[in-house]
Amino acid sequence: MSAGMDFVFAGQTVEYWSWEDALDYAFESVVQTAFKGEEHTSEPRTFREAMQHPEEERQQWLKAAQDEIQSLVENGTFELVECPPGRKAIGSRWVFKVKHNADGSIECYKGRLV
């Protein structure tokens, strides 16, 4: 077994970074990742909040909500009926997220009704 390991690792050297270089690299990566998300100010917590964003972003959130509703209708997820007497309908809320590509650019705006 050890002869096989010698063969695999023969002539190879491993170069490790200093602590300072490793921390610099890690900090730089964190900073770059943080600044990639600055293309939008925040993800809205409600539909009303989504509609208060700047026009271009508002249109993206509206399209995301419309796509979600269309998907629910096409999949037969719910059936619209009257509530029985003495009963209340369950509540729902919107969850909005911005999906990013690997390079940090915006892939799409997503809206989910939960």
PDB file of N, CA and C in Angstrom:
ATOM      1  N   MET A   1       0.825  -1.188   0.000  1.00  0.00           N
ATOM      2  CA  MET A   1       0.000   0.000   0.000  1.00  0.00           C
ATOM      3  C   MET A   1       0.869   1.250   0.000  1.00  0.00           C
ATOM      4  N   SER A   2       1.889   1.276   0.870  1.00  0.00           N
ATOM      5  CA  SER A   2       2.700   2.485   0.938  1.00  0.00           C
ATOM      6  C   SER A   2       3.483   2.688  -0.351  1.00  0.00           C
ATOM      7  N   ALA A   3       3.822   1.604  -1.050  1.00  0.00           N
ATOM      8  CA  ALA A   3       4.517   1.750  -2.336  1.00  0.00           C
ATOM      9  C   ALA A   3       3.593   2.428  -3.342  1.00  0.00           C
ATOM     10  N   GLY A   4       2.323   2.092  -3.309  1.00  0.00           N
ATOM     11  CA  GLY A   4       1.351   2.718  -4.200  1.00  0.00           C
ATOM     12  C   GLY A   4       1.182   4.201  -3.898  1.00  0.00           C
ATOM     13  N   MET A   5       1.182   4.548  -2.614  1.00  0.00           N
ATOM     14  CA  MET A   5       1.058   5.957  -2.226  1.00  0.00           C
ATOM     15  C   MET A   5       2.291   6.740  -2.663  1.00  0.00           C
ATOM     16  N   ASP A   6       3.460   6.133  -2.526  1.00  0.00           N
ATOM     17  CA  ASP A   6       4.685   6.798  -2.972  1.00  0.00           C
ATOM     18  C   ASP A   6       4.620   7.086  -4.459  1.00  0.00           C
ATOM     19  N   PHE A   7       4.058   6.146  -5.228  1.00  0.00           N
ATOM     20  CA  PHE A   7       3.950   6.328  -6.672  1.00  0.00           C
ATOM     21  C   PHE A   7       3.015   7.489  -7.008  1.00  0.00           C
ATOM     22  N   VAL A   8       1.880   7.560  -6.299  1.00  0.00           N
ATOM     23  CA  VAL A   8       0.886   8.598  -6.572  1.00  0.00           C
ATOM     24  C   VAL A   8       1.430   9.982  -6.233  1.00  0.00           C
ATOM     25  N   PHE A   9       2.129  10.083  -5.099  1.00  0.00           N
ATOM     26  CA  PHE A   9       2.576  11.394  -4.639  1.00  0.00           C
ATOM     27  C   PHE A   9       4.033  11.692  -4.966  1.00  0.00           C
ATOM     28  N   ALA A  10       4.687  10.846  -5.706  1.00  0.00           N
ATOM     29  CA  ALA A  10       6.108  11.039  -6.004  1.00  0.00           C
ATOM     30  C   ALA A  10       6.332  12.339  -6.755  1.00  0.00           C
ATOM     31  N   GLY A  11       7.244  13.137  -6.261  1.00  0.00           N
ATOM     32  CA  GLY A  11       7.628  14.360  -6.943  1.00  0.00           C
ATOM     33  C   GLY A  11       6.635  15.493  -6.817  1.00  0.00           C
ATOM     34  N   GLN A  12       5.540  15.312  -6.083  1.00  0.00           N
ATOM     35  CA  GLN A  12       4.560  16.381  -5.932  1.00  0.00           C
ATOM     36  C   GLN A  12       4.815  17.138  -4.636  1.00  0.00           C
ATOM     37  N   THR A  13       4.738  18.449  -4.727  1.00  0.00           N
ATOM     38  CA  THR A  13       4.845  19.266  -3.524  1.00  0.00           C
ATOM     39  C   THR A  13       3.577  20.085  -3.402  1.00  0.00           C
ATOM     40  N   VAL A  14       3.196  20.326  -2.196  1.00  0.00           N
ATOM     41  CA  VAL A  14       2.001  21.114  -1.930  1.00  0.00           C
ATOM     42  C   VAL A  14       2.450  22.441  -1.339  1.00  0.00           C
ATOM     43  N   GLU A  15       1.946  23.527  -1.921  1.00  0.00           N
ATOM     44  CA  GLU A  15       2.292  24.858  -1.423  1.00  0.00           C
ATOM     45  C   GLU A  15       1.081  25.427  -0.710  1.00  0.00           C
ATOM     46  N   TYR A  16       1.252  25.744   0.555  1.00  0.00           N
ATOM     47  CA  TYR A  16       0.166  26.303   1.353  1.00  0.00           C
ATOM     48  C   TYR A  16       0.294  27.816   1.411  1.00  0.00           C
ATOM     49  N   TRP A  17      -0.836  28.488   1.536  1.00  0.00           N
ATOM     50  CA  TRP A  17      -0.841  29.941   1.690  1.00  0.00           C
ATOM     51  C   TRP A  17      -0.531  30.289   3.132  1.00  0.00           C
ATOM     52  N   SER A  18       0.000  31.466   3.327  1.00  0.00           N
ATOM     53  CA  SER A  18       0.169  31.964   4.694  1.00  0.00           C
ATOM     54  C   SER A  18      -1.213  32.337   5.224  1.00  0.00           C
ATOM     55  N   TRP A  19      -1.331  32.466   6.545  1.00  0.00           N
ATOM     56  CA  TRP A  19      -2.607  32.866   7.131  1.00  0.00           C
ATOM     57  C   TRP A  19      -3.048  34.207   6.572  1.00  0.00           C
ATOM     58  N   GLU A  20      -2.117  35.115   6.440  1.00  0.00           N
ATOM     59  CA  GLU A  20      -2.444  36.448   5.950  1.00  0.00           C
ATOM     60  C   GLU A  20      -2.993  36.396   4.524  1.00  0.00           C
ATOM     61  N   ASP A  21      -2.345  35.611   3.645  1.00  0.00           N
ATOM     62  CA  ASP A  21      -2.823  35.487   2.262  1.00  0.00           C
ATOM     63  C   ASP A  21      -4.193  34.817   2.205  1.00  0.00           C
ATOM     64  N   ALA A  22      -4.388  33.793   3.025  1.00  0.00           N
ATOM     65  CA  ALA A  22      -5.668  33.081   3.043  1.00  0.00           C
ATOM     66  C   ALA A  22      -6.793  33.997   3.521  1.00  0.00           C
ATOM     67  N   LEU A  23      -6.541  34.772   4.560  1.00  0.00           N
ATOM     68  CA  LEU A  23      -7.563  35.693   5.068  1.00  0.00           C
ATOM     69  C   LEU A  23      -7.854  36.800   4.059  1.00  0.00           C
ATOM     70  N   ASP A  24      -6.813  37.316   3.406  1.00  0.00           N
ATOM     71  CA  ASP A  24      -7.031  38.327   2.371  1.00  0.00           C
ATOM     72  C   ASP A  24      -7.914  37.786   1.258  1.00  0.00           C
ATOM     73  N   TYR A  25      -7.647  36.566   0.817  1.00  0.00           N
ATOM     74  CA  TYR A  25      -8.432  35.948  -0.250  1.00  0.00           C
ATOM     75  C   TYR A  25      -9.878  35.749   0.191  1.00  0.00           C
ATOM     76  N   ALA A  26     -10.067  35.229   1.405  1.00  0.00           N
ATOM     77  CA  ALA A  26     -11.416  34.978   1.916  1.00  0.00           C
ATOM     78  C   ALA A  26     -12.186  36.285   2.047  1.00  0.00           C
ATOM     79  N   PHE A  27     -11.555  37.320   2.579  1.00  0.00           N
ATOM     80  CA  PHE A  27     -12.227  38.614   2.744  1.00  0.00           C
ATOM     81  C   PHE A  27     -12.594  39.193   1.392  1.00  0.00           C
ATOM     82  N   GLU A  28     -11.691  39.111   0.435  1.00  0.00           N
ATOM     83  CA  GLU A  28     -11.959  39.631  -0.906  1.00  0.00           C
ATOM     84  C   GLU A  28     -13.159  38.919  -1.534  1.00  0.00           C
ATOM     85  N   SER A  29     -13.253  37.596  -1.357  1.00  0.00           N
ATOM     86  CA  SER A  29     -14.374  36.826  -1.898  1.00  0.00           C
ATOM     87  C   SER A  29     -15.693  37.257  -1.270  1.00  0.00           C
ATOM     88  N   VAL A  30     -15.693  37.465   0.041  1.00  0.00           N
ATOM     89  CA  VAL A  30     -16.910  37.876   0.742  1.00  0.00           C
ATOM     90  C   VAL A  30     -17.348  39.254   0.264  1.00  0.00           C
ATOM     91  N   VAL A  31     -16.408  40.168   0.115  1.00  0.00           N
ATOM     92  CA  VAL A  31     -16.733  41.527  -0.318  1.00  0.00           C
ATOM     93  C   VAL A  31     -17.288  41.501  -1.737  1.00  0.00           C
ATOM     94  N   GLN A  32     -16.667  40.737  -2.627  1.00  0.00           N
ATOM     95  CA  GLN A  32     -17.151  40.654  -4.005  1.00  0.00           C
ATOM     96  C   GLN A  32     -18.563  40.096  -4.052  1.00  0.00           C
ATOM     97  N   THR A  33     -18.836  39.060  -3.281  1.00  0.00           N
ATOM     98  CA  THR A  33     -20.167  38.456  -3.244  1.00  0.00           C
ATOM     99  C   THR A  33     -21.186  39.453  -2.707  1.00  0.00           C
ATOM    100  N   ALA A  34     -20.824  40.208  -1.691  1.00  0.00           N
ATOM    101  CA  ALA A  34     -21.759  41.181  -1.098  1.00  0.00           C
ATOM    102  C   ALA A  34     -22.116  42.273  -2.092  1.00  0.00           C
ATOM    103  N   PHE A  35     -21.153  42.749  -2.857  1.00  0.00           N
ATOM    104  CA  PHE A  35     -21.428  43.835  -3.784  1.00  0.00           C
ATOM    105  C   PHE A  35     -22.161  43.384  -5.032  1.00  0.00           C
ATOM    106  N   LYS A  36     -22.154  42.104  -5.345  1.00  0.00           N
ATOM    107  CA  LYS A  36     -22.899  41.616  -6.506  1.00  0.00           C
ATOM    108  C   LYS A  36     -24.395  41.806  -6.315  1.00  0.00           C
ATOM    109  N   GLY A  37     -24.863  41.751  -5.085  1.00  0.00           N
ATOM    110  CA  GLY A  37     -26.296  41.847  -4.804  1.00  0.00           C
ATOM    111  C   GLY A  37     -26.822  43.264  -4.746  1.00  0.00           C
ATOM    112  N   GLU A  38     -26.003  44.266  -5.041  1.00  0.00           N
ATOM    113  CA  GLU A  38     -26.445  45.645  -4.913  1.00  0.00           C
ATOM    114  C   GLU A  38     -27.241  46.152  -6.104  1.00  0.00           C
ATOM    115  N   GLU A  39     -27.569  45.286  -7.062  1.00  0.00           N
ATOM    116  CA  GLU A  39     -28.334  45.719  -8.216  1.00  0.00           C
ATOM    117  C   GLU A  39     -29.765  46.070  -7.836  1.00  0.00           C
ATOM    118  N   HIS A  40     -30.264  45.519  -6.767  1.00  0.00           N
ATOM    119  CA  HIS A  40     -31.593  45.878  -6.275  1.00  0.00           C
ATOM    120  C   HIS A  40     -31.474  46.210  -4.794  1.00  0.00           C
ATOM    121  N   THR A  41     -32.384  47.005  -4.305  1.00  0.00           N
ATOM    122  CA  THR A  41     -32.268  47.457  -2.928  1.00  0.00           C
ATOM    123  C   THR A  41     -32.687  46.378  -1.937  1.00  0.00           C
ATOM    124  N   SER A  42     -33.796  45.717  -2.202  1.00  0.00           N
ATOM    125  CA  SER A  42     -34.264  44.684  -1.282  1.00  0.00           C
ATOM    126  C   SER A  42     -35.357  43.862  -1.941  1.00  0.00           C
ATOM    127  N   GLU A  43     -35.598  42.703  -1.365  1.00  0.00           N
ATOM    128  CA  GLU A  43     -36.707  41.872  -1.833  1.00  0.00           C
ATOM    129  C   GLU A  43     -37.939  42.275  -1.040  1.00  0.00           C
ATOM    130  N   PRO A  44     -39.037  42.560  -1.716  1.00  0.00           N
ATOM    131  CA  PRO A  44     -40.243  43.007  -1.007  1.00  0.00           C
ATOM    132  C   PRO A  44     -40.825  41.898  -0.130  1.00  0.00           C
ATOM    133  N   ARG A  45     -41.451  42.313   0.956  1.00  0.00           N
ATOM    134  CA  ARG A  45     -42.073  41.355   1.871  1.00  0.00           C
ATOM    135  C   ARG A  45     -43.561  41.195   1.604  1.00  0.00           C
ATOM    136  N   THR A  46     -44.147  42.136   0.875  1.00  0.00           N
ATOM    137  CA  THR A  46     -45.571  42.065   0.533  1.00  0.00           C
ATOM    138  C   THR A  46     -45.756  42.490  -0.917  1.00  0.00           C
ATOM    139  N   PHE A  47     -46.940  42.193  -1.458  1.00  0.00           N
ATOM    140  CA  PHE A  47     -47.241  42.618  -2.817  1.00  0.00           C
ATOM    141  C   PHE A  47     -47.281  44.147  -2.889  1.00  0.00           C
ATOM    142  N   ARG A  48     -47.850  44.771  -1.897  1.00  0.00           N
ATOM    143  CA  ARG A  48     -47.921  46.242  -1.859  1.00  0.00           C
ATOM    144  C   ARG A  48     -46.520  46.847  -1.898  1.00  0.00           C
ATOM    145  N   GLU A  49     -45.615  46.267  -1.116  1.00  0.00           N
ATOM    146  CA  GLU A  49     -44.232  46.740  -1.104  1.00  0.00           C
ATOM    147  C   GLU A  49     -43.569  46.547  -2.468  1.00  0.00           C
ATOM    148  N   ALA A  50     -43.871  45.437  -3.118  1.00  0.00           N
ATOM    149  CA  ALA A  50     -43.320  45.170  -4.448  1.00  0.00           C
ATOM    150  C   ALA A  50     -43.776  46.227  -5.442  1.00  0.00           C
ATOM    151  N   MET A  51     -45.023  46.665  -5.298  1.00  0.00           N
ATOM    152  CA  MET A  51     -45.562  47.651  -6.230  1.00  0.00           C
ATOM    153  C   MET A  51     -45.077  49.070  -5.933  1.00  0.00           C
ATOM    154  N   GLN A  52     -44.332  49.247  -4.852  1.00  0.00           N
ATOM    155  CA  GLN A  52     -43.771  50.556  -4.520  1.00  0.00           C
ATOM    156  C   GLN A  52     -42.320  50.693  -4.978  1.00  0.00           C
ATOM    157  N   HIS A  53     -41.774  49.651  -5.582  1.00  0.00           N
ATOM    158  CA  HIS A  53     -40.402  49.711  -6.105  1.00  0.00           C
ATOM    159  C   HIS A  53     -40.371  50.582  -7.361  1.00  0.00           C
ATOM    160  N   PRO A  54     -39.175  50.979  -7.803  1.00  0.00           N
ATOM    161  CA  PRO A  54     -39.071  51.761  -9.051  1.00  0.00           C
ATOM    162  C   PRO A  54     -39.739  51.023 -10.217  1.00  0.00           C
ATOM    163  N   GLU A  55     -40.179  51.780 -11.210  1.00  0.00           N
ATOM    164  CA  GLU A  55     -40.999  51.252 -12.312  1.00  0.00           C
ATOM    165  C   GLU A  55     -40.449  49.976 -12.943  1.00  0.00           C
ATOM    166  N   GLU A  56     -39.182  49.968 -13.310  1.00  0.00           N
ATOM    167  CA  GLU A  56     -38.621  48.796 -13.993  1.00  0.00           C
ATOM    168  C   GLU A  56     -38.670  47.554 -13.100  1.00  0.00           C
ATOM    169  N   GLU A  57     -38.301  47.731 -11.839  1.00  0.00           N
ATOM    170  CA  GLU A  57     -38.328  46.603 -10.910  1.00  0.00           C
ATOM    171  C   GLU A  57     -39.772  46.210 -10.576  1.00  0.00           C
ATOM    172  N   ARG A  58     -40.657  47.193 -10.450  1.00  0.00           N
ATOM    173  CA  ARG A  58     -42.072  46.919 -10.170  1.00  0.00           C
ATOM    174  C   ARG A  58     -42.663  46.024 -11.259  1.00  0.00           C
ATOM    175  N   GLN A  59     -42.335  46.306 -12.512  1.00  0.00           N
ATOM    176  CA  GLN A  59     -42.836  45.486 -13.619  1.00  0.00           C
ATOM    177  C   GLN A  59     -42.324  44.051 -13.520  1.00  0.00           C
ATOM    178  N   GLN A  60     -41.090  43.877 -13.076  1.00  0.00           N
ATOM    179  CA  GLN A  60     -40.544  42.522 -12.901  1.00  0.00           C
ATOM    180  C   GLN A  60     -41.284  41.770 -11.799  1.00  0.00           C
ATOM    181  N   TRP A  61     -41.565  42.459 -10.680  1.00  0.00           N
ATOM    182  CA  TRP A  61     -42.303  41.811  -9.585  1.00  0.00           C
ATOM    183  C   TRP A  61     -43.731  41.489 -10.001  1.00  0.00           C
ATOM    184  N   LEU A  62     -44.368  42.391 -10.736  1.00  0.00           N
ATOM    185  CA  LEU A  62     -45.730  42.151 -11.207  1.00  0.00           C
ATOM    186  C   LEU A  62     -45.771  40.937 -12.135  1.00  0.00           C
ATOM    187  N   LYS A  63     -44.814  40.845 -13.047  1.00  0.00           N
ATOM    188  CA  LYS A  63     -44.745  39.700 -13.957  1.00  0.00           C
ATOM    189  C   LYS A  63     -44.514  38.407 -13.178  1.00  0.00           C
ATOM    190  N   ALA A  64     -43.670  38.447 -12.154  1.00  0.00           N
ATOM    191  CA  ALA A  64     -43.414  37.259 -11.327  1.00  0.00           C
ATOM    192  C   ALA A  64     -44.699  36.802 -10.631  1.00  0.00           C
ATOM    193  N   ALA A  65     -45.482  37.751 -10.108  1.00  0.00           N
ATOM    194  CA  ALA A  65     -46.747  37.421  -9.444  1.00  0.00           C
ATOM    195  C   ALA A  65     -47.749  36.862 -10.444  1.00  0.00           C
ATOM    196  N   GLN A  66     -47.843  37.482 -11.619  1.00  0.00           N
ATOM    197  CA  GLN A  66     -48.760  36.999 -12.651  1.00  0.00           C
ATOM    198  C   GLN A  66     -48.377  35.591 -13.116  1.00  0.00           C
ATOM    199  N   ASP A  67     -47.085  35.338 -13.277  1.00  0.00           N
ATOM    200  CA  ASP A  67     -46.622  34.004 -13.679  1.00  0.00           C
ATOM    201  C   ASP A  67     -46.983  32.957 -12.637  1.00  0.00           C
ATOM    202  N   GLU A  68     -46.853  33.322 -11.350  1.00  0.00           N
ATOM    203  CA  GLU A  68     -47.194  32.387 -10.269  1.00  0.00           C
ATOM    204  C   GLU A  68     -48.689  32.074 -10.278  1.00  0.00           C
ATOM    205  N   ILE A  69     -49.518  33.085 -10.415  1.00  0.00           N
ATOM    206  CA  ILE A  69     -50.971  32.857 -10.443  1.00  0.00           C
ATOM    207  C   ILE A  69     -51.349  32.011 -11.660  1.00  0.00           C
ATOM    208  N   GLN A  70     -50.768  32.320 -12.809  1.00  0.00           N
ATOM    209  CA  GLN A  70     -51.035  31.538 -14.018  1.00  0.00           C
ATOM    210  C   GLN A  70     -50.642  30.074 -13.810  1.00  0.00           C
ATOM    211  N   SER A  71     -49.513  29.842 -13.179  1.00  0.00           N
ATOM    212  CA  SER A  71     -49.059  28.478 -12.906  1.00  0.00           C
ATOM    213  C   SER A  71     -50.035  27.744 -11.979  1.00  0.00           C
ATOM    214  N   LEU A  72     -50.508  28.434 -10.948  1.00  0.00           N
ATOM    215  CA  LEU A  72     -51.469  27.818 -10.021  1.00  0.00           C
ATOM    216  C   LEU A  72     -52.760  27.447 -10.738  1.00  0.00           C
ATOM    217  N   VAL A  73     -53.240  28.318 -11.619  1.00  0.00           N
ATOM    218  CA  VAL A  73     -54.477  28.055 -12.369  1.00  0.00           C
ATOM    219  C   VAL A  73     -54.274  26.881 -13.323  1.00  0.00           C
ATOM    220  N   GLU A  74     -53.166  26.900 -14.082  1.00  0.00           N
ATOM    221  CA  GLU A  74     -52.905  25.837 -15.057  1.00  0.00           C
ATOM    222  C   GLU A  74     -52.746  24.473 -14.395  1.00  0.00           C
ATOM    223  N   ASN A  75     -52.182  24.443 -13.189  1.00  0.00           N
ATOM    224  CA  ASN A  75     -51.964  23.171 -12.489  1.00  0.00           C
ATOM    225  C   ASN A  75     -53.175  22.722 -11.677  1.00  0.00           C
ATOM    226  N   GLY A  76     -54.234  23.509 -11.674  1.00  0.00           N
ATOM    227  CA  GLY A  76     -55.433  23.129 -10.913  1.00  0.00           C
ATOM    228  C   GLY A  76     -55.156  23.042  -9.424  1.00  0.00           C
ATOM    229  N   THR A  77     -54.310  23.933  -8.930  1.00  0.00           N
ATOM    230  CA  THR A  77     -53.877  23.889  -7.536  1.00  0.00           C
ATOM    231  C   THR A  77     -55.005  24.196  -6.564  1.00  0.00           C
ATOM    232  N   PHE A  78     -55.955  24.994  -6.966  1.00  0.00           N
ATOM    233  CA  PHE A  78     -57.028  25.381  -6.060  1.00  0.00           C
ATOM    234  C   PHE A  78     -58.347  25.420  -6.812  1.00  0.00           C
ATOM    235  N   GLU A  79     -59.410  25.479  -6.028  1.00  0.00           N
ATOM    236  CA  GLU A  79     -60.753  25.593  -6.595  1.00  0.00           C
ATOM    237  C   GLU A  79     -61.456  26.700  -5.821  1.00  0.00           C
ATOM    238  N   LEU A  80     -61.993  27.661  -6.520  1.00  0.00           N
ATOM    239  CA  LEU A  80     -62.651  28.800  -5.893  1.00  0.00           C
ATOM    240  C   LEU A  80     -64.069  28.405  -5.495  1.00  0.00           C
ATOM    241  N   VAL A  81     -64.343  28.443  -4.198  1.00  0.00           N
ATOM    242  CA  VAL A  81     -65.670  28.090  -3.674  1.00  0.00           C
ATOM    243  C   VAL A  81     -66.038  29.069  -2.557  1.00  0.00           C
ATOM    244  N   GLU A  82     -67.309  29.093  -2.204  1.00  0.00           N
ATOM    245  CA  GLU A  82     -67.750  29.905  -1.072  1.00  0.00           C
ATOM    246  C   GLU A  82     -67.435  29.162   0.215  1.00  0.00           C
ATOM    247  N   CYS A  83     -67.085  29.934   1.256  1.00  0.00           N
ATOM    248  CA  CYS A  83     -66.824  29.322   2.564  1.00  0.00           C
ATOM    249  C   CYS A  83     -68.139  28.860   3.185  1.00  0.00           C
ATOM    250  N   PRO A  84     -68.120  27.709   3.839  1.00  0.00           N
ATOM    251  CA  PRO A  84     -69.327  27.286   4.559  1.00  0.00           C
ATOM    252  C   PRO A  84     -69.640  28.278   5.678  1.00  0.00           C
ATOM    253  N   PRO A  85     -70.895  28.363   6.074  1.00  0.00           N
ATOM    254  CA  PRO A  85     -71.264  29.296   7.152  1.00  0.00           C
ATOM    255  C   PRO A  85     -70.450  29.033   8.421  1.00  0.00           C
ATOM    256  N   GLY A  86     -69.958  30.109   9.019  1.00  0.00           N
ATOM    257  CA  GLY A  86     -69.201  29.988  10.268  1.00  0.00           C
ATOM    258  C   GLY A  86     -67.739  29.616  10.076  1.00  0.00           C
ATOM    259  N   ARG A  87     -67.267  29.532   8.860  1.00  0.00           N
ATOM    260  CA  ARG A  87     -65.869  29.165   8.588  1.00  0.00           C
ATOM    261  C   ARG A  87     -65.126  30.337   7.969  1.00  0.00           C
ATOM    262  N   LYS A  88     -63.803  30.373   8.189  1.00  0.00           N
ATOM    263  CA  LYS A  88     -62.968  31.409   7.589  1.00  0.00           C
ATOM    264  C   LYS A  88     -62.005  30.766   6.598  1.00  0.00           C
ATOM    265  N   ALA A  89     -61.701  31.499   5.558  1.00  0.00           N
ATOM    266  CA  ALA A  89     -60.729  31.016   4.571  1.00  0.00           C
ATOM    267  C   ALA A  89     -59.321  31.097   5.169  1.00  0.00           C
ATOM    268  N   ILE A  90     -58.450  30.200   4.722  1.00  0.00           N
ATOM    269  CA  ILE A  90     -57.066  30.270   5.193  1.00  0.00           C
ATOM    270  C   ILE A  90     -56.371  31.449   4.508  1.00  0.00           C
ATOM    271  N   GLY A  91     -55.385  31.999   5.180  1.00  0.00           N
ATOM    272  CA  GLY A  91     -54.667  33.145   4.641  1.00  0.00           C
ATOM    273  C   GLY A  91     -53.562  32.724   3.692  1.00  0.00           C
ATOM    274  N   SER A  92     -53.019  33.694   3.013  1.00  0.00           N
ATOM    275  CA  SER A  92     -51.882  33.453   2.137  1.00  0.00           C
ATOM    276  C   SER A  92     -51.019  34.704   2.127  1.00  0.00           C
ATOM    277  N   ARG A  93     -49.810  34.577   1.632  1.00  0.00           N
ATOM    278  CA  ARG A  93     -48.942  35.734   1.499  1.00  0.00           C
ATOM    279  C   ARG A  93     -47.970  35.492   0.361  1.00  0.00           C
ATOM    280  N   TRP A  94     -47.368  36.559  -0.118  1.00  0.00           N
ATOM    281  CA  TRP A  94     -46.403  36.469  -1.199  1.00  0.00           C
ATOM    282  C   TRP A  94     -44.994  36.369  -0.638  1.00  0.00           C
ATOM    283  N   VAL A  95     -44.174  35.563  -1.304  1.00  0.00           N
ATOM    284  CA  VAL A  95     -42.741  35.496  -1.010  1.00  0.00           C
ATOM    285  C   VAL A  95     -42.036  35.850  -2.306  1.00  0.00           C
ATOM    286  N   PHE A  96     -41.270  36.921  -2.280  1.00  0.00           N
ATOM    287  CA  PHE A  96     -40.554  37.385  -3.463  1.00  0.00           C
ATOM    288  C   PHE A  96     -39.061  37.169  -3.286  1.00  0.00           C
ATOM    289  N   LYS A  97     -38.403  36.667  -4.329  1.00  0.00           N
ATOM    290  CA  LYS A  97     -36.958  36.427  -4.301  1.00  0.00           C
ATOM    291  C   LYS A  97     -36.356  36.817  -5.640  1.00  0.00           C
ATOM    292  N   VAL A  98     -35.128  37.290  -5.586  1.00  0.00           N
ATOM    293  CA  VAL A  98     -34.354  37.551  -6.793  1.00  0.00           C
ATOM    294  C   VAL A  98     -33.396  36.393  -6.949  1.00  0.00           C
ATOM    295  N   LYS A  99     -33.432  35.731  -8.096  1.00  0.00           N
ATOM    296  CA  LYS A  99     -32.519  34.624  -8.391  1.00  0.00           C
ATOM    297  C   LYS A  99     -31.330  35.182  -9.163  1.00  0.00           C
ATOM    298  N   HIS A 100     -30.129  34.755  -8.772  1.00  0.00           N
ATOM    299  CA  HIS A 100     -28.903  35.257  -9.383  1.00  0.00           C
ATOM    300  C   HIS A 100     -28.176  34.167 -10.161  1.00  0.00           C
ATOM    301  N   ASN A 101     -27.477  34.574 -11.216  1.00  0.00           N
ATOM    302  CA  ASN A 101     -26.572  33.687 -11.940  1.00  0.00           C
ATOM    303  C   ASN A 101     -25.292  33.540 -11.132  1.00  0.00           C
ATOM    304  N   ALA A 102     -24.415  32.631 -11.561  1.00  0.00           N
ATOM    305  CA  ALA A 102     -23.158  32.393 -10.862  1.00  0.00           C
ATOM    306  C   ALA A 102     -22.286  33.645 -10.813  1.00  0.00           C
ATOM    307  N   ASP A 103     -22.392  34.507 -11.823  1.00  0.00           N
ATOM    308  CA  ASP A 103     -21.572  35.719 -11.860  1.00  0.00           C
ATOM    309  C   ASP A 103     -22.186  36.861 -11.055  1.00  0.00           C
ATOM    310  N   GLY A 104     -23.330  36.633 -10.408  1.00  0.00           N
ATOM    311  CA  GLY A 104     -23.962  37.644  -9.572  1.00  0.00           C
ATOM    312  C   GLY A 104     -25.010  38.470 -10.278  1.00  0.00           C
ATOM    313  N   SER A 105     -25.132  38.336 -11.597  1.00  0.00           N
ATOM    314  CA  SER A 105     -26.153  39.096 -12.312  1.00  0.00           C
ATOM    315  C   SER A 105     -27.529  38.495 -12.019  1.00  0.00           C
ATOM    316  N   ILE A 106     -28.567  39.294 -12.221  1.00  0.00           N
ATOM    317  CA  ILE A 106     -29.927  38.841 -11.924  1.00  0.00           C
ATOM    318  C   ILE A 106     -30.409  37.901 -13.021  1.00  0.00           C
ATOM    319  N   GLU A 107     -30.823  36.703 -12.615  1.00  0.00           N
ATOM    320  CA  GLU A 107     -31.377  35.722 -13.552  1.00  0.00           C
ATOM    321  C   GLU A 107     -32.867  35.992 -13.750  1.00  0.00           C
ATOM    322  N   CYS A 108     -33.600  36.107 -12.638  1.00  0.00           N
ATOM    323  CA  CYS A 108     -35.027  36.366 -12.735  1.00  0.00           C
ATOM    324  C   CYS A 108     -35.587  36.780 -11.378  1.00  0.00           C
ATOM    325  N   TYR A 109     -36.792  37.320 -11.413  1.00  0.00           N
ATOM    326  CA  TYR A 109     -37.532  37.683 -10.225  1.00  0.00           C
ATOM    327  C   TYR A 109     -38.579  36.579 -10.018  1.00  0.00           C
ATOM    328  N   LYS A 110     -38.686  36.060  -8.787  1.00  0.00           N
ATOM    329  CA  LYS A 110     -39.629  34.969  -8.515  1.00  0.00           C
ATOM    330  C   LYS A 110     -40.649  35.421  -7.479  1.00  0.00           C
ATOM    331  N   GLY A 111     -41.875  35.040  -7.691  1.00  0.00           N
ATOM    332  CA  GLY A 111     -42.937  35.298  -6.729  1.00  0.00           C
ATOM    333  C   GLY A 111     -43.640  33.994  -6.418  1.00  0.00           C
ATOM    334  N   ARG A 112     -43.856  33.721  -5.149  1.00  0.00           N
ATOM    335  CA  ARG A 112     -44.571  32.513  -4.740  1.00  0.00           C
ATOM    336  C   ARG A 112     -45.696  32.894  -3.795  1.00  0.00           C
ATOM    337  N   LEU A 113     -46.851  32.332  -4.029  1.00  0.00           N
ATOM    338  CA  LEU A 113     -47.995  32.554  -3.167  1.00  0.00           C
ATOM    339  C   LEU A 113     -48.066  31.369  -2.212  1.00  0.00           C
ATOM    340  N   VAL A 114     -47.871  31.654  -0.938  1.00  0.00           N
ATOM    341  CA  VAL A 114     -47.859  30.565   0.070  1.00  0.00           C
ATOM    342  C   VAL A 114     -48.914  30.804   1.135  1.00  0.00           C
TER     343      VAL A 114
END
